[in-house]
């Protein structure tokens, strides 16, 4: 750990070097160094061969990564995994590989260079850099859309565990997961509730992919997919509606449109469960305000405090009942119809 009394210049230098480290870790994720090492160990030459990289330059990257806890090197020079690098493997539960590559990659990283324009002219930095909203850009760049989908699936795994450890869903008959992606959250809930049915609702392109996902196949007789646009309407008649990582992508007006459509579709005694980060009111180190800046840069959305969510929900005909903390940055916001 750094000394508590280190000079401010040293603290600032750590911050400056932070993006060097983040890009080194992003490189490890992109070229899949953890996958190349595997479950035992590998020499520098083996890693270089498996990642199609040059041994001398790779050695310099590995030295930087190793001294920050990513990988460890034995006396014979071979590299092995650490808990940090294990999280960079592909295809493992709660992997961070795709999240790292997506959030620190070309499109996101270049957009952050335009953040000053957000403060001076408004709008998103992404649109200033690429000339279109991020959602349209993803649709035109399948490789980015695929990477983002993998990243969100991994993040969903992390959030699912935290939510299901902390929040007990009241009894329900039909759950509608609005913007539910590939269905991992909905299926995890149905795993714990044997009787109810579920509807996975998302854009047509997403639903087409989701139909073949393991999450949907796990409940073939209980989950049906439905394509549409949540700004136009959502499936009717559910007594549990789910919104996970949706509202933070949008400004207040767009959120009211989404929430009002859910309010109009929901059974009178139903519940809406929102999973988002809730920014604390105390000024303390917290992931939420930084993700809020990322939303400003990328989507035009925002993270919100409990009071801001309460107000947003009230405008849409909902009453916030409680906010449940989880062993993660994410909270469960339980709401009912006013």
C-alpha atoms as a PDB file:
ATOM      1  CA  UNK A   1       0.000   0.000   0.000  1.00  0.00           C
ATOM      2  CA  UNK A   2       1.046   3.583  -0.545  1.00  0.00           C
ATOM      3  CA  UNK A   3       2.049   5.551   2.537  1.00  0.00           C
ATOM      4  CA  UNK A   4      -0.832   7.515   4.040  1.00  0.00           C
ATOM      5  CA  UNK A   5       1.410  10.560   4.219  1.00  0.00           C
ATOM      6  CA  UNK A   6       2.865  10.520   0.736  1.00  0.00           C
ATOM      7  CA  UNK A   7       3.217  13.984  -0.805  1.00  0.00           C
ATOM      8  CA  UNK A   8       0.378  15.222  -3.047  1.00  0.00           C
ATOM      9  CA  UNK A   9       2.728  15.232  -6.042  1.00  0.00           C
ATOM     10  CA  UNK A  10       3.246  11.492  -5.594  1.00  0.00           C
ATOM     11  CA  UNK A  11      -0.511  10.874  -5.341  1.00  0.00           C
ATOM     12  CA  UNK A  12      -1.070  12.857  -8.538  1.00  0.00           C
ATOM     13  CA  UNK A  13       1.677  10.886 -10.285  1.00  0.00           C
ATOM     14  CA  UNK A  14      -0.089   7.666  -9.315  1.00  0.00           C
ATOM     15  CA  UNK A  15      -3.227   9.059 -10.945  1.00  0.00           C
ATOM     16  CA  UNK A  16      -1.323  10.030 -14.097  1.00  0.00           C
ATOM     17  CA  UNK A  17       0.208   6.583 -14.376  1.00  0.00           C
ATOM     18  CA  UNK A  18      -3.188   5.010 -13.777  1.00  0.00           C
ATOM     19  CA  UNK A  19      -4.136   5.217 -17.447  1.00  0.00           C
ATOM     20  CA  UNK A  20      -0.841   3.591 -18.411  1.00  0.00           C
ATOM     21  CA  UNK A  21      -1.691   0.666 -16.166  1.00  0.00           C
ATOM     22  CA  UNK A  22      -5.288   0.534 -17.367  1.00  0.00           C
ATOM     23  CA  UNK A  23      -4.118   0.339 -20.968  1.00  0.00           C
ATOM     24  CA  UNK A  24      -1.596  -2.382 -20.107  1.00  0.00           C
ATOM     25  CA  UNK A  25      -4.387  -4.420 -18.498  1.00  0.00           C
ATOM     26  CA  UNK A  26      -6.636  -3.730 -21.467  1.00  0.00           C
ATOM     27  CA  UNK A  27      -3.861  -5.052 -23.726  1.00  0.00           C
ATOM     28  CA  UNK A  28      -3.671  -8.233 -21.654  1.00  0.00           C
ATOM     29  CA  UNK A  29      -7.427  -8.661 -22.040  1.00  0.00           C
ATOM     30  CA  UNK A  30      -7.436  -7.952 -25.758  1.00  0.00           C
ATOM     31  CA  UNK A  31      -4.620 -10.328 -26.727  1.00  0.00           C
ATOM     32  CA  UNK A  32      -5.854 -12.857 -24.127  1.00  0.00           C
ATOM     33  CA  UNK A  33      -2.659 -13.379 -22.176  1.00  0.00           C
ATOM     34  CA  UNK A  34      -4.518 -15.169 -19.361  1.00  0.00           C
ATOM     35  CA  UNK A  35      -5.964 -17.620 -21.887  1.00  0.00           C
ATOM     36  CA  UNK A  36      -2.480 -18.170 -23.334  1.00  0.00           C
ATOM     37  CA  UNK A  37      -1.048 -19.062 -19.913  1.00  0.00           C
ATOM     38  CA  UNK A  38      -3.892 -21.437 -19.114  1.00  0.00           C
ATOM     39  CA  UNK A  39      -4.363 -23.296 -15.849  1.00  0.00           C
ATOM     40  CA  UNK A  40      -0.705 -24.076 -15.090  1.00  0.00           C
ATOM     41  CA  UNK A  41       2.111 -21.844 -16.342  1.00  0.00           C
ATOM     42  CA  UNK A  42       3.787 -20.804 -19.572  1.00  0.00           C
ATOM     43  CA  UNK A  43       7.136 -19.418 -20.632  1.00  0.00           C
ATOM     44  CA  UNK A  44       7.487 -16.022 -22.230  1.00  0.00           C
ATOM     45  CA  UNK A  45       8.184 -17.675 -25.580  1.00  0.00           C
ATOM     46  CA  UNK A  46       5.052 -19.823 -25.312  1.00  0.00           C
ATOM     47  CA  UNK A  47       2.917 -16.819 -24.452  1.00  0.00           C
ATOM     48  CA  UNK A  48       4.436 -14.833 -27.328  1.00  0.00           C
ATOM     49  CA  UNK A  49       3.717 -17.655 -29.767  1.00  0.00           C
ATOM     50  CA  UNK A  50       0.150 -18.109 -28.562  1.00  0.00           C
ATOM     51  CA  UNK A  51      -0.609 -14.370 -28.697  1.00  0.00           C
ATOM     52  CA  UNK A  52       1.320 -13.628 -31.923  1.00  0.00           C
ATOM     53  CA  UNK A  53       3.482 -11.034 -30.174  1.00  0.00           C
ATOM     54  CA  UNK A  54       7.205 -10.222 -30.054  1.00  0.00           C
ATOM     55  CA  UNK A  55       8.990 -11.707 -27.010  1.00  0.00           C
ATOM     56  CA  UNK A  56      11.063  -8.631 -26.134  1.00  0.00           C
ATOM     57  CA  UNK A  57       8.121  -6.211 -26.139  1.00  0.00           C
ATOM     58  CA  UNK A  58       5.879  -8.788 -24.479  1.00  0.00           C
ATOM     59  CA  UNK A  59       8.427  -9.205 -21.681  1.00  0.00           C
ATOM     60  CA  UNK A  60       8.220  -5.489 -20.928  1.00  0.00           C
ATOM     61  CA  UNK A  61       4.425  -5.634 -20.788  1.00  0.00           C
ATOM     62  CA  UNK A  62       4.518  -8.718 -18.570  1.00  0.00           C
ATOM     63  CA  UNK A  63       6.949  -7.012 -16.178  1.00  0.00           C
ATOM     64  CA  UNK A  64       4.570  -4.066 -15.758  1.00  0.00           C
ATOM     65  CA  UNK A  65       1.564  -6.336 -15.304  1.00  0.00           C
ATOM     66  CA  UNK A  66       3.333  -8.662 -12.891  1.00  0.00           C
ATOM     67  CA  UNK A  67       4.500  -5.904 -10.559  1.00  0.00           C
ATOM     68  CA  UNK A  68       0.866  -4.772 -10.255  1.00  0.00           C
ATOM     69  CA  UNK A  69      -0.473  -8.199  -9.338  1.00  0.00           C
ATOM     70  CA  UNK A  70      -1.490  -9.442 -12.785  1.00  0.00           C
ATOM     71  CA  UNK A  71       0.346 -12.759 -13.227  1.00  0.00           C
ATOM     72  CA  UNK A  72       3.328 -13.970 -11.222  1.00  0.00           C
ATOM     73  CA  UNK A  73       6.742 -15.107 -12.416  1.00  0.00           C
ATOM     74  CA  UNK A  74       8.620 -18.042 -10.925  1.00  0.00           C
ATOM     75  CA  UNK A  75      12.373 -18.364 -10.502  1.00  0.00           C
ATOM     76  CA  UNK A  76      12.628 -20.295 -13.778  1.00  0.00           C
ATOM     77  CA  UNK A  77      10.991 -17.391 -15.637  1.00  0.00           C
ATOM     78  CA  UNK A  78       7.604 -19.015 -16.294  1.00  0.00           C
ATOM     79  CA  UNK A  79       4.413 -17.017 -15.752  1.00  0.00           C
ATOM     80  CA  UNK A  80       1.345 -18.244 -13.852  1.00  0.00           C
ATOM     81  CA  UNK A  81      -2.021 -16.822 -12.870  1.00  0.00           C
ATOM     82  CA  UNK A  82      -2.993 -14.696  -9.880  1.00  0.00           C
ATOM     83  CA  UNK A  83      -6.555 -13.991  -8.688  1.00  0.00           C
ATOM     84  CA  UNK A  84      -6.507 -10.790 -10.774  1.00  0.00           C
ATOM     85  CA  UNK A  85      -5.416 -12.509 -13.958  1.00  0.00           C
ATOM     86  CA  UNK A  86      -7.851 -15.390 -13.415  1.00  0.00           C
ATOM     87  CA  UNK A  87     -10.601 -12.787 -13.831  1.00  0.00           C
ATOM     88  CA  UNK A  88      -9.161 -11.974 -17.288  1.00  0.00           C
ATOM     89  CA  UNK A  89      -9.759 -15.490 -18.638  1.00  0.00           C
ATOM     90  CA  UNK A  90     -12.428 -15.952 -21.289  1.00  0.00           C
ATOM     91  CA  UNK A  91     -15.449 -18.111 -20.619  1.00  0.00           C
ATOM     92  CA  UNK A  92     -15.120 -18.266 -16.837  1.00  0.00           C
ATOM     93  CA  UNK A  93     -17.894 -17.186 -14.466  1.00  0.00           C
ATOM     94  CA  UNK A  94     -17.872 -13.442 -13.796  1.00  0.00           C
ATOM     95  CA  UNK A  95     -15.020 -12.828 -16.230  1.00  0.00           C
ATOM     96  CA  UNK A  96     -13.850  -9.221 -16.560  1.00  0.00           C
ATOM     97  CA  UNK A  97     -12.031  -9.724 -19.882  1.00  0.00           C
ATOM     98  CA  UNK A  98     -14.690  -8.370 -22.227  1.00  0.00           C
ATOM     99  CA  UNK A  99     -15.637  -5.579 -19.810  1.00  0.00           C
ATOM    100  CA  UNK A 100     -12.030  -4.405 -19.736  1.00  0.00           C
ATOM    101  CA  UNK A 101     -11.644  -4.523 -23.487  1.00  0.00           C
ATOM    102  CA  UNK A 102     -14.940  -2.735 -24.093  1.00  0.00           C
ATOM    103  CA  UNK A 103     -14.596   0.013 -21.489  1.00  0.00           C
ATOM    104  CA  UNK A 104     -10.921   0.747 -22.160  1.00  0.00           C
ATOM    105  CA  UNK A 105     -10.976   0.128 -25.891  1.00  0.00           C
ATOM    106  CA  UNK A 106     -10.744   2.418 -28.869  1.00  0.00           C
ATOM    107  CA  UNK A 107     -14.330   3.716 -28.971  1.00  0.00           C
ATOM    108  CA  UNK A 108     -14.681   4.423 -25.260  1.00  0.00           C
ATOM    109  CA  UNK A 109     -11.143   5.631 -24.719  1.00  0.00           C
ATOM    110  CA  UNK A 110     -11.179   8.101 -27.595  1.00  0.00           C
ATOM    111  CA  UNK A 111     -14.543   9.449 -26.465  1.00  0.00           C
ATOM    112  CA  UNK A 112     -13.169  10.377 -23.056  1.00  0.00           C
ATOM    113  CA  UNK A 113     -10.716  12.723 -24.797  1.00  0.00           C
ATOM    114  CA  UNK A 114     -13.783  14.842 -25.691  1.00  0.00           C
ATOM    115  CA  UNK A 115     -15.197  15.187 -22.153  1.00  0.00           C
ATOM    116  CA  UNK A 116     -14.456  18.918 -21.968  1.00  0.00           C
ATOM    117  CA  UNK A 117     -16.993  19.490 -24.729  1.00  0.00           C
ATOM    118  CA  UNK A 118     -19.714  17.928 -22.554  1.00  0.00           C
ATOM    119  CA  UNK A 119     -19.149  20.628 -19.939  1.00  0.00           C
ATOM    120  CA  UNK A 120     -18.960  23.482 -22.437  1.00  0.00           C
ATOM    121  CA  UNK A 121     -21.468  22.554 -25.161  1.00  0.00           C
ATOM    122  CA  UNK A 122     -23.468  19.667 -23.721  1.00  0.00           C
ATOM    123  CA  UNK A 123     -24.260  16.503 -25.654  1.00  0.00           C
ATOM    124  CA  UNK A 124     -22.227  13.321 -25.454  1.00  0.00           C
ATOM    125  CA  UNK A 125     -18.520  13.064 -26.094  1.00  0.00           C
ATOM    126  CA  UNK A 126     -19.125   9.900 -28.127  1.00  0.00           C
ATOM    127  CA  UNK A 127     -21.343  11.706 -30.629  1.00  0.00           C
ATOM    128  CA  UNK A 128     -18.839  14.547 -30.852  1.00  0.00           C
ATOM    129  CA  UNK A 129     -16.110  12.027 -31.677  1.00  0.00           C
ATOM    130  CA  UNK A 130     -17.998   9.615 -33.935  1.00  0.00           C
ATOM    131  CA  UNK A 131     -20.882  11.661 -35.288  1.00  0.00           C
ATOM    132  CA  UNK A 132     -23.695   9.390 -34.078  1.00  0.00           C
ATOM    133  CA  UNK A 133     -25.156   7.948 -30.854  1.00  0.00           C
ATOM    134  CA  UNK A 134     -23.350   4.968 -29.396  1.00  0.00           C
ATOM    135  CA  UNK A 135     -26.339   2.670 -30.021  1.00  0.00           C
ATOM    136  CA  UNK A 136     -26.339   3.428 -33.761  1.00  0.00           C
ATOM    137  CA  UNK A 137     -22.565   3.048 -33.882  1.00  0.00           C
ATOM    138  CA  UNK A 138     -22.825  -0.392 -32.272  1.00  0.00           C
ATOM    139  CA  UNK A 139     -25.443  -1.455 -34.815  1.00  0.00           C
ATOM    140  CA  UNK A 140     -23.074  -0.445 -37.624  1.00  0.00           C
ATOM    141  CA  UNK A 141     -20.037  -2.130 -36.034  1.00  0.00           C
ATOM    142  CA  UNK A 142     -20.949  -5.767 -35.236  1.00  0.00           C
ATOM    143  CA  UNK A 143     -17.595  -6.454 -33.588  1.00  0.00           C
ATOM    144  CA  UNK A 144     -18.236  -3.718 -31.024  1.00  0.00           C
ATOM    145  CA  UNK A 145     -21.833  -4.820 -30.527  1.00  0.00           C
ATOM    146  CA  UNK A 146     -20.669  -8.394 -29.933  1.00  0.00           C
ATOM    147  CA  UNK A 147     -17.973  -7.320 -27.473  1.00  0.00           C
ATOM    148  CA  UNK A 148     -20.421  -5.078 -25.623  1.00  0.00           C
ATOM    149  CA  UNK A 149     -22.913  -7.954 -25.446  1.00  0.00           C
ATOM    150  CA  UNK A 150     -20.270 -10.255 -23.960  1.00  0.00           C
ATOM    151  CA  UNK A 151     -19.266  -7.565 -21.476  1.00  0.00           C
ATOM    152  CA  UNK A 152     -22.864  -6.992 -20.353  1.00  0.00           C
ATOM    153  CA  UNK A 153     -23.429 -10.734 -19.961  1.00  0.00           C
ATOM    154  CA  UNK A 154     -20.396 -10.975 -17.686  1.00  0.00           C
ATOM    155  CA  UNK A 155     -21.474  -7.915 -15.709  1.00  0.00           C
ATOM    156  CA  UNK A 156     -24.931  -9.450 -15.377  1.00  0.00           C
ATOM    157  CA  UNK A 157     -23.394 -12.572 -13.814  1.00  0.00           C
ATOM    158  CA  UNK A 158     -21.688 -10.408 -11.204  1.00  0.00           C
ATOM    159  CA  UNK A 159     -24.815  -8.364 -10.515  1.00  0.00           C
ATOM    160  CA  UNK A 160     -27.106 -11.423 -10.457  1.00  0.00           C
ATOM    161  CA  UNK A 161     -25.203 -13.057  -7.642  1.00  0.00           C
ATOM    162  CA  UNK A 162     -25.167  -9.863  -5.599  1.00  0.00           C
ATOM    163  CA  UNK A 163     -28.866  -9.124  -6.175  1.00  0.00           C
ATOM    164  CA  UNK A 164     -30.086 -12.641  -5.467  1.00  0.00           C
ATOM    165  CA  UNK A 165     -28.013 -12.804  -2.273  1.00  0.00           C
ATOM    166  CA  UNK A 166     -29.601  -9.603  -0.993  1.00  0.00           C
ATOM    167  CA  UNK A 167     -33.145  -9.320  -2.331  1.00  0.00           C
ATOM    168  CA  UNK A 168     -36.020 -11.781  -2.061  1.00  0.00           C
ATOM    169  CA  UNK A 169     -38.554 -11.374  -4.853  1.00  0.00           C
ATOM    170  CA  UNK A 170     -42.153 -11.350  -3.704  1.00  0.00           C
ATOM    171  CA  UNK A 171     -44.399 -13.965  -5.283  1.00  0.00           C
ATOM    172  CA  UNK A 172     -45.308 -13.270  -8.905  1.00  0.00           C
ATOM    173  CA  UNK A 173     -46.920 -15.005 -11.894  1.00  0.00           C
ATOM    174  CA  UNK A 174     -45.389 -13.274 -14.909  1.00  0.00           C
ATOM    175  CA  UNK A 175     -42.054 -11.439 -14.974  1.00  0.00           C
ATOM    176  CA  UNK A 176     -41.213  -9.123 -17.882  1.00  0.00           C
ATOM    177  CA  UNK A 177     -37.521  -8.300 -18.276  1.00  0.00           C
ATOM    178  CA  UNK A 178     -37.473  -5.001 -20.182  1.00  0.00           C
ATOM    179  CA  UNK A 179     -34.278  -4.597 -22.181  1.00  0.00           C
ATOM    180  CA  UNK A 180     -33.266  -7.979 -20.788  1.00  0.00           C
ATOM    181  CA  UNK A 181     -30.506  -8.794 -23.261  1.00  0.00           C
ATOM    182  CA  UNK A 182     -29.786 -12.510 -23.449  1.00  0.00           C
ATOM    183  CA  UNK A 183     -32.004 -13.352 -20.482  1.00  0.00           C
ATOM    184  CA  UNK A 184     -29.458 -14.185 -17.777  1.00  0.00           C
ATOM    185  CA  UNK A 185     -31.166 -12.075 -15.095  1.00  0.00           C
ATOM    186  CA  UNK A 186     -34.646 -13.349 -15.874  1.00  0.00           C
ATOM    187  CA  UNK A 187     -33.488 -16.977 -15.926  1.00  0.00           C
ATOM    188  CA  UNK A 188     -31.608 -16.589 -12.643  1.00  0.00           C
ATOM    189  CA  UNK A 189     -34.828 -15.347 -11.020  1.00  0.00           C
ATOM    190  CA  UNK A 190     -36.880 -18.196 -12.508  1.00  0.00           C
ATOM    191  CA  UNK A 191     -34.294 -20.664 -11.186  1.00  0.00           C
ATOM    192  CA  UNK A 192     -35.440 -19.654  -7.701  1.00  0.00           C
ATOM    193  CA  UNK A 193     -39.177 -19.536  -8.469  1.00  0.00           C
ATOM    194  CA  UNK A 194     -40.407 -22.771 -10.006  1.00  0.00           C
ATOM    195  CA  UNK A 195     -43.933 -21.769 -11.079  1.00  0.00           C
ATOM    196  CA  UNK A 196     -43.948 -18.332 -12.768  1.00  0.00           C
ATOM    197  CA  UNK A 197     -43.496 -17.526 -16.438  1.00  0.00           C
ATOM    198  CA  UNK A 198     -41.211 -14.936 -17.986  1.00  0.00           C
ATOM    199  CA  UNK A 199     -41.065 -12.660 -21.033  1.00  0.00           C
ATOM    200  CA  UNK A 200     -37.701 -11.481 -22.338  1.00  0.00           C
ATOM    201  CA  UNK A 201     -38.243  -8.169 -24.120  1.00  0.00           C
ATOM    202  CA  UNK A 202     -35.606  -6.380 -26.189  1.00  0.00           C
ATOM    203  CA  UNK A 203     -34.825  -5.127 -29.676  1.00  0.00           C
ATOM    204  CA  UNK A 204     -35.353  -7.614 -32.500  1.00  0.00           C
ATOM    205  CA  UNK A 205     -31.624  -8.088 -33.153  1.00  0.00           C
ATOM    206  CA  UNK A 206     -30.981  -8.812 -29.470  1.00  0.00           C
ATOM    207  CA  UNK A 207     -33.955 -11.145 -29.108  1.00  0.00           C
ATOM    208  CA  UNK A 208     -32.825 -13.117 -32.152  1.00  0.00           C
ATOM    209  CA  UNK A 209     -29.480 -13.795 -30.474  1.00  0.00           C
ATOM    210  CA  UNK A 210     -31.093 -14.420 -27.094  1.00  0.00           C
ATOM    211  CA  UNK A 211     -33.338 -17.169 -28.459  1.00  0.00           C
ATOM    212  CA  UNK A 212     -30.317 -19.459 -28.686  1.00  0.00           C
ATOM    213  CA  UNK A 213     -28.725 -18.438 -25.394  1.00  0.00           C
ATOM    214  CA  UNK A 214     -28.206 -20.919 -22.583  1.00  0.00           C
ATOM    215  CA  UNK A 215     -30.277 -18.734 -20.254  1.00  0.00           C
ATOM    216  CA  UNK A 216     -33.373 -18.944 -22.458  1.00  0.00           C
ATOM    217  CA  UNK A 217     -32.840 -22.628 -23.304  1.00  0.00           C
ATOM    218  CA  UNK A 218     -32.712 -23.410 -19.585  1.00  0.00           C
ATOM    219  CA  UNK A 219     -36.438 -22.644 -19.295  1.00  0.00           C
ATOM    220  CA  UNK A 220     -37.873 -23.569 -22.701  1.00  0.00           C
ATOM    221  CA  UNK A 221     -41.464 -23.896 -21.463  1.00  0.00           C
ATOM    222  CA  UNK A 222     -41.418 -20.849 -19.186  1.00  0.00           C
ATOM    223  CA  UNK A 223     -39.630 -18.079 -21.101  1.00  0.00           C
ATOM    224  CA  UNK A 224     -40.805 -16.527 -24.329  1.00  0.00           C
ATOM    225  CA  UNK A 225     -39.072 -13.767 -26.209  1.00  0.00           C
ATOM    226  CA  UNK A 226     -40.742 -10.630 -27.495  1.00  0.00           C
ATOM    227  CA  UNK A 227     -39.178  -8.014 -29.775  1.00  0.00           C
ATOM    228  CA  UNK A 228     -39.940  -4.320 -29.558  1.00  0.00           C
ATOM    229  CA  UNK A 229     -38.851  -0.857 -28.500  1.00  0.00           C
ATOM    230  CA  UNK A 230     -39.411   0.159 -24.873  1.00  0.00           C
ATOM    231  CA  UNK A 231     -39.966   3.762 -25.997  1.00  0.00           C
ATOM    232  CA  UNK A 232     -43.044   2.587 -27.886  1.00  0.00           C
ATOM    233  CA  UNK A 233     -44.447   0.054 -25.423  1.00  0.00           C
ATOM    234  CA  UNK A 234     -43.740  -3.112 -23.448  1.00  0.00           C
ATOM    235  CA  UNK A 235     -45.579  -6.450 -23.048  1.00  0.00           C
ATOM    236  CA  UNK A 236     -48.812  -6.181 -21.097  1.00  0.00           C
ATOM    237  CA  UNK A 237     -50.009  -7.903 -17.961  1.00  0.00           C
ATOM    238  CA  UNK A 238     -46.863  -8.697 -15.996  1.00  0.00           C
ATOM    239  CA  UNK A 239     -46.982  -8.479 -12.211  1.00  0.00           C
ATOM    240  CA  UNK A 240     -43.174  -8.173 -12.008  1.00  0.00           C
ATOM    241  CA  UNK A 241     -41.238  -5.896 -14.343  1.00  0.00           C
ATOM    242  CA  UNK A 242     -37.445  -5.823 -14.351  1.00  0.00           C
ATOM    243  CA  UNK A 243     -35.171  -2.976 -15.435  1.00  0.00           C
ATOM    244  CA  UNK A 244     -31.477  -3.742 -15.003  1.00  0.00           C
ATOM    245  CA  UNK A 245     -28.814  -1.296 -16.203  1.00  0.00           C
ATOM    246  CA  UNK A 246     -31.356   0.531 -18.397  1.00  0.00           C
ATOM    247  CA  UNK A 247     -32.312   3.817 -16.745  1.00  0.00           C
ATOM    248  CA  UNK A 248     -28.735   5.018 -16.302  1.00  0.00           C
ATOM    249  CA  UNK A 249     -28.329   5.034 -20.099  1.00  0.00           C
ATOM    250  CA  UNK A 250     -30.947   7.770 -20.563  1.00  0.00           C
ATOM    251  CA  UNK A 251     -31.792  11.307 -19.500  1.00  0.00           C
ATOM    252  CA  UNK A 252     -34.822  11.991 -17.300  1.00  0.00           C
ATOM    253  CA  UNK A 253     -37.299  12.591 -20.133  1.00  0.00           C
ATOM    254  CA  UNK A 254     -36.427   9.309 -21.834  1.00  0.00           C
ATOM    255  CA  UNK A 255     -36.564   7.475 -18.506  1.00  0.00           C
ATOM    256  CA  UNK A 256     -40.059   8.836 -17.861  1.00  0.00           C
ATOM    257  CA  UNK A 257     -41.130   7.511 -21.276  1.00  0.00           C
ATOM    258  CA  UNK A 258     -39.793   4.022 -20.482  1.00  0.00           C
ATOM    259  CA  UNK A 259     -41.243   3.982 -16.982  1.00  0.00           C
ATOM    260  CA  UNK A 260     -44.632   5.306 -18.115  1.00  0.00           C
ATOM    261  CA  UNK A 261     -44.898   2.535 -20.698  1.00  0.00           C
ATOM    262  CA  UNK A 262     -44.212  -0.004 -17.970  1.00  0.00           C
ATOM    263  CA  UNK A 263     -46.734   1.674 -15.674  1.00  0.00           C
ATOM    264  CA  UNK A 264     -49.404   1.445 -18.376  1.00  0.00           C
ATOM    265  CA  UNK A 265     -48.657  -2.237 -19.045  1.00  0.00           C
ATOM    266  CA  UNK A 266     -48.307  -3.472 -15.468  1.00  0.00           C
ATOM    267  CA  UNK A 267     -50.950  -5.310 -13.484  1.00  0.00           C
ATOM    268  CA  UNK A 268     -52.390  -2.986 -10.764  1.00  0.00           C
ATOM    269  CA  UNK A 269     -50.802  -4.956  -7.913  1.00  0.00           C
ATOM    270  CA  UNK A 270     -47.507  -5.469  -9.705  1.00  0.00           C
ATOM    271  CA  UNK A 271     -43.988  -4.436  -8.790  1.00  0.00           C
ATOM    272  CA  UNK A 272     -41.165  -2.844 -10.741  1.00  0.00           C
ATOM    273  CA  UNK A 273     -37.650  -3.833  -9.679  1.00  0.00           C
ATOM    274  CA  UNK A 274     -34.828  -1.592 -10.892  1.00  0.00           C
ATOM    275  CA  UNK A 275     -31.172  -2.593 -10.584  1.00  0.00           C
ATOM    276  CA  UNK A 276     -28.780   0.347 -10.793  1.00  0.00           C
ATOM    277  CA  UNK A 277     -26.055   2.086  -8.846  1.00  0.00           C
ATOM    278  CA  UNK A 278     -27.497   4.562  -6.356  1.00  0.00           C
ATOM    279  CA  UNK A 279     -25.036   7.381  -5.683  1.00  0.00           C
ATOM    280  CA  UNK A 280     -24.573   8.020  -1.956  1.00  0.00           C
ATOM    281  CA  UNK A 281     -25.122  11.522  -0.653  1.00  0.00           C
ATOM    282  CA  UNK A 282     -21.871  11.493   1.358  1.00  0.00           C
ATOM    283  CA  UNK A 283     -18.738  12.715  -0.389  1.00  0.00           C
ATOM    284  CA  UNK A 284     -16.585   9.586  -0.265  1.00  0.00           C
ATOM    285  CA  UNK A 285     -14.753   7.381  -2.767  1.00  0.00           C
ATOM    286  CA  UNK A 286     -17.420   5.496  -4.725  1.00  0.00           C
ATOM    287  CA  UNK A 287     -17.676   3.980  -8.186  1.00  0.00           C
ATOM    288  CA  UNK A 288     -21.007   5.684  -8.897  1.00  0.00           C
ATOM    289  CA  UNK A 289     -19.831   9.245  -9.629  1.00  0.00           C
ATOM    290  CA  UNK A 290     -17.161   7.947 -12.017  1.00  0.00           C
ATOM    291  CA  UNK A 291     -19.666   5.772 -13.882  1.00  0.00           C
ATOM    292  CA  UNK A 292     -21.913   8.839 -13.964  1.00  0.00           C
ATOM    293  CA  UNK A 293     -19.160  10.657 -15.873  1.00  0.00           C
ATOM    294  CA  UNK A 294     -18.896   7.682 -18.231  1.00  0.00           C
ATOM    295  CA  UNK A 295     -22.621   7.933 -18.909  1.00  0.00           C
ATOM    296  CA  UNK A 296     -22.183  11.636 -19.699  1.00  0.00           C
ATOM    297  CA  UNK A 297     -19.369  10.791 -22.104  1.00  0.00           C
ATOM    298  CA  UNK A 298     -20.975   7.783 -23.799  1.00  0.00           C
ATOM    299  CA  UNK A 299     -24.778   7.816 -23.715  1.00  0.00           C
ATOM    300  CA  UNK A 300     -26.152  11.070 -22.323  1.00  0.00           C
ATOM    301  CA  UNK A 301     -27.560   9.155 -19.361  1.00  0.00           C
ATOM    302  CA  UNK A 302     -26.639   9.488 -15.701  1.00  0.00           C
ATOM    303  CA  UNK A 303     -26.347   7.705 -12.380  1.00  0.00           C
ATOM    304  CA  UNK A 304     -28.726   9.034  -9.713  1.00  0.00           C
ATOM    305  CA  UNK A 305     -29.177   9.440  -5.986  1.00  0.00           C
ATOM    306  CA  UNK A 306     -32.078   7.855  -4.118  1.00  0.00           C
ATOM    307  CA  UNK A 307     -33.904  11.191  -4.074  1.00  0.00           C
ATOM    308  CA  UNK A 308     -33.465  11.566  -7.835  1.00  0.00           C
ATOM    309  CA  UNK A 309     -34.829   8.060  -8.433  1.00  0.00           C
ATOM    310  CA  UNK A 310     -37.751   8.760  -6.110  1.00  0.00           C
ATOM    311  CA  UNK A 311     -38.625  11.881  -8.089  1.00  0.00           C
ATOM    312  CA  UNK A 312     -38.163  10.172 -11.468  1.00  0.00           C
ATOM    313  CA  UNK A 313     -40.405   7.273 -10.452  1.00  0.00           C
ATOM    314  CA  UNK A 314     -43.081   9.606  -9.055  1.00  0.00           C
ATOM    315  CA  UNK A 315     -43.257  11.422 -12.399  1.00  0.00           C
ATOM    316  CA  UNK A 316     -44.029   8.071 -14.014  1.00  0.00           C
ATOM    317  CA  UNK A 317     -46.748   6.941 -11.602  1.00  0.00           C
ATOM    318  CA  UNK A 318     -44.592   4.809  -9.293  1.00  0.00           C
ATOM    319  CA  UNK A 319     -43.779   4.989  -5.599  1.00  0.00           C
ATOM    320  CA  UNK A 320     -40.321   3.987  -4.424  1.00  0.00           C
ATOM    321  CA  UNK A 321     -40.762   1.510  -1.569  1.00  0.00           C
ATOM    322  CA  UNK A 322     -37.187   0.731  -0.599  1.00  0.00           C
ATOM    323  CA  UNK A 323     -33.599   0.617  -1.776  1.00  0.00           C
ATOM    324  CA  UNK A 324     -31.685  -2.574  -0.974  1.00  0.00           C
ATOM    325  CA  UNK A 325     -27.896  -2.580  -0.855  1.00  0.00           C
ATOM    326  CA  UNK A 326     -25.974  -5.575  -2.221  1.00  0.00           C
ATOM    327  CA  UNK A 327     -22.362  -6.792  -1.839  1.00  0.00           C
ATOM    328  CA  UNK A 328     -21.528  -4.979  -5.063  1.00  0.00           C
ATOM    329  CA  UNK A 329     -21.836  -1.419  -6.398  1.00  0.00           C
ATOM    330  CA  UNK A 330     -25.416  -2.193  -7.473  1.00  0.00           C
ATOM    331  CA  UNK A 331     -28.653  -1.553  -5.582  1.00  0.00           C
ATOM    332  CA  UNK A 332     -32.154  -2.971  -5.899  1.00  0.00           C
ATOM    333  CA  UNK A 333     -34.854  -0.296  -6.125  1.00  0.00           C
ATOM    334  CA  UNK A 334     -38.291  -1.735  -5.374  1.00  0.00           C
ATOM    335  CA  UNK A 335     -41.305   0.230  -6.597  1.00  0.00           C
ATOM    336  CA  UNK A 336     -45.075  -0.115  -6.813  1.00  0.00           C
ATOM    337  CA  UNK A 337     -47.811   1.787  -8.589  1.00  0.00           C
ATOM    338  CA  UNK A 338     -48.855   4.972  -6.775  1.00  0.00           C
END
